[in-house]
Amino acid sequence: MLIKFTLSMPNIGSWNGRWSGENNLYARVISFKGKEKEKLANELLNKGYFHYDFGDGWSMGISLEKIDSKTATKVRKSSKGFYGYDWAIDSIIKYQKIITE
C-alpha cells in the first residue's frame, strides 16, 4: 500500500502571513508492505490528518492519502521534498502522532 504524506502550514507566524513554500508540493510517498504494516497504514488513513503546533505562531499539518503507483511516480517527480520535516513522518508512523524526540 502506498501512502502520500503532504505537508502544509495552516498557521503562519510570519510578518506577512505567508509561507515561502506555499506554492510548492511538499510530499513523500511511503510504502507499507506486509499484513502488520498495512494494518498500521489503514489506522493512519482513518485519522487522515496530523497537526503539530510549534508554539511560535507556526504549525504544520500533514494529510495522508492512499495512492496508486502511477500517482506515486508523479508525486515523487513533482515534490520538493518534505521541507526538513521528515522527522514528523517518522513520528506519525512510530507514535500515530507528531512529537519531537
Foldseek 3Di string as FASTA:
>chain_A
DKKKKWKDKPWDDDPVRDDPCHVATAIAIDDQDDDVSVVLVVVLVVVQKAKADPPRRIIMMIGMDDDDPVVNVVSVVRHPYHVPVVQQVVCCSVPVYGDDD
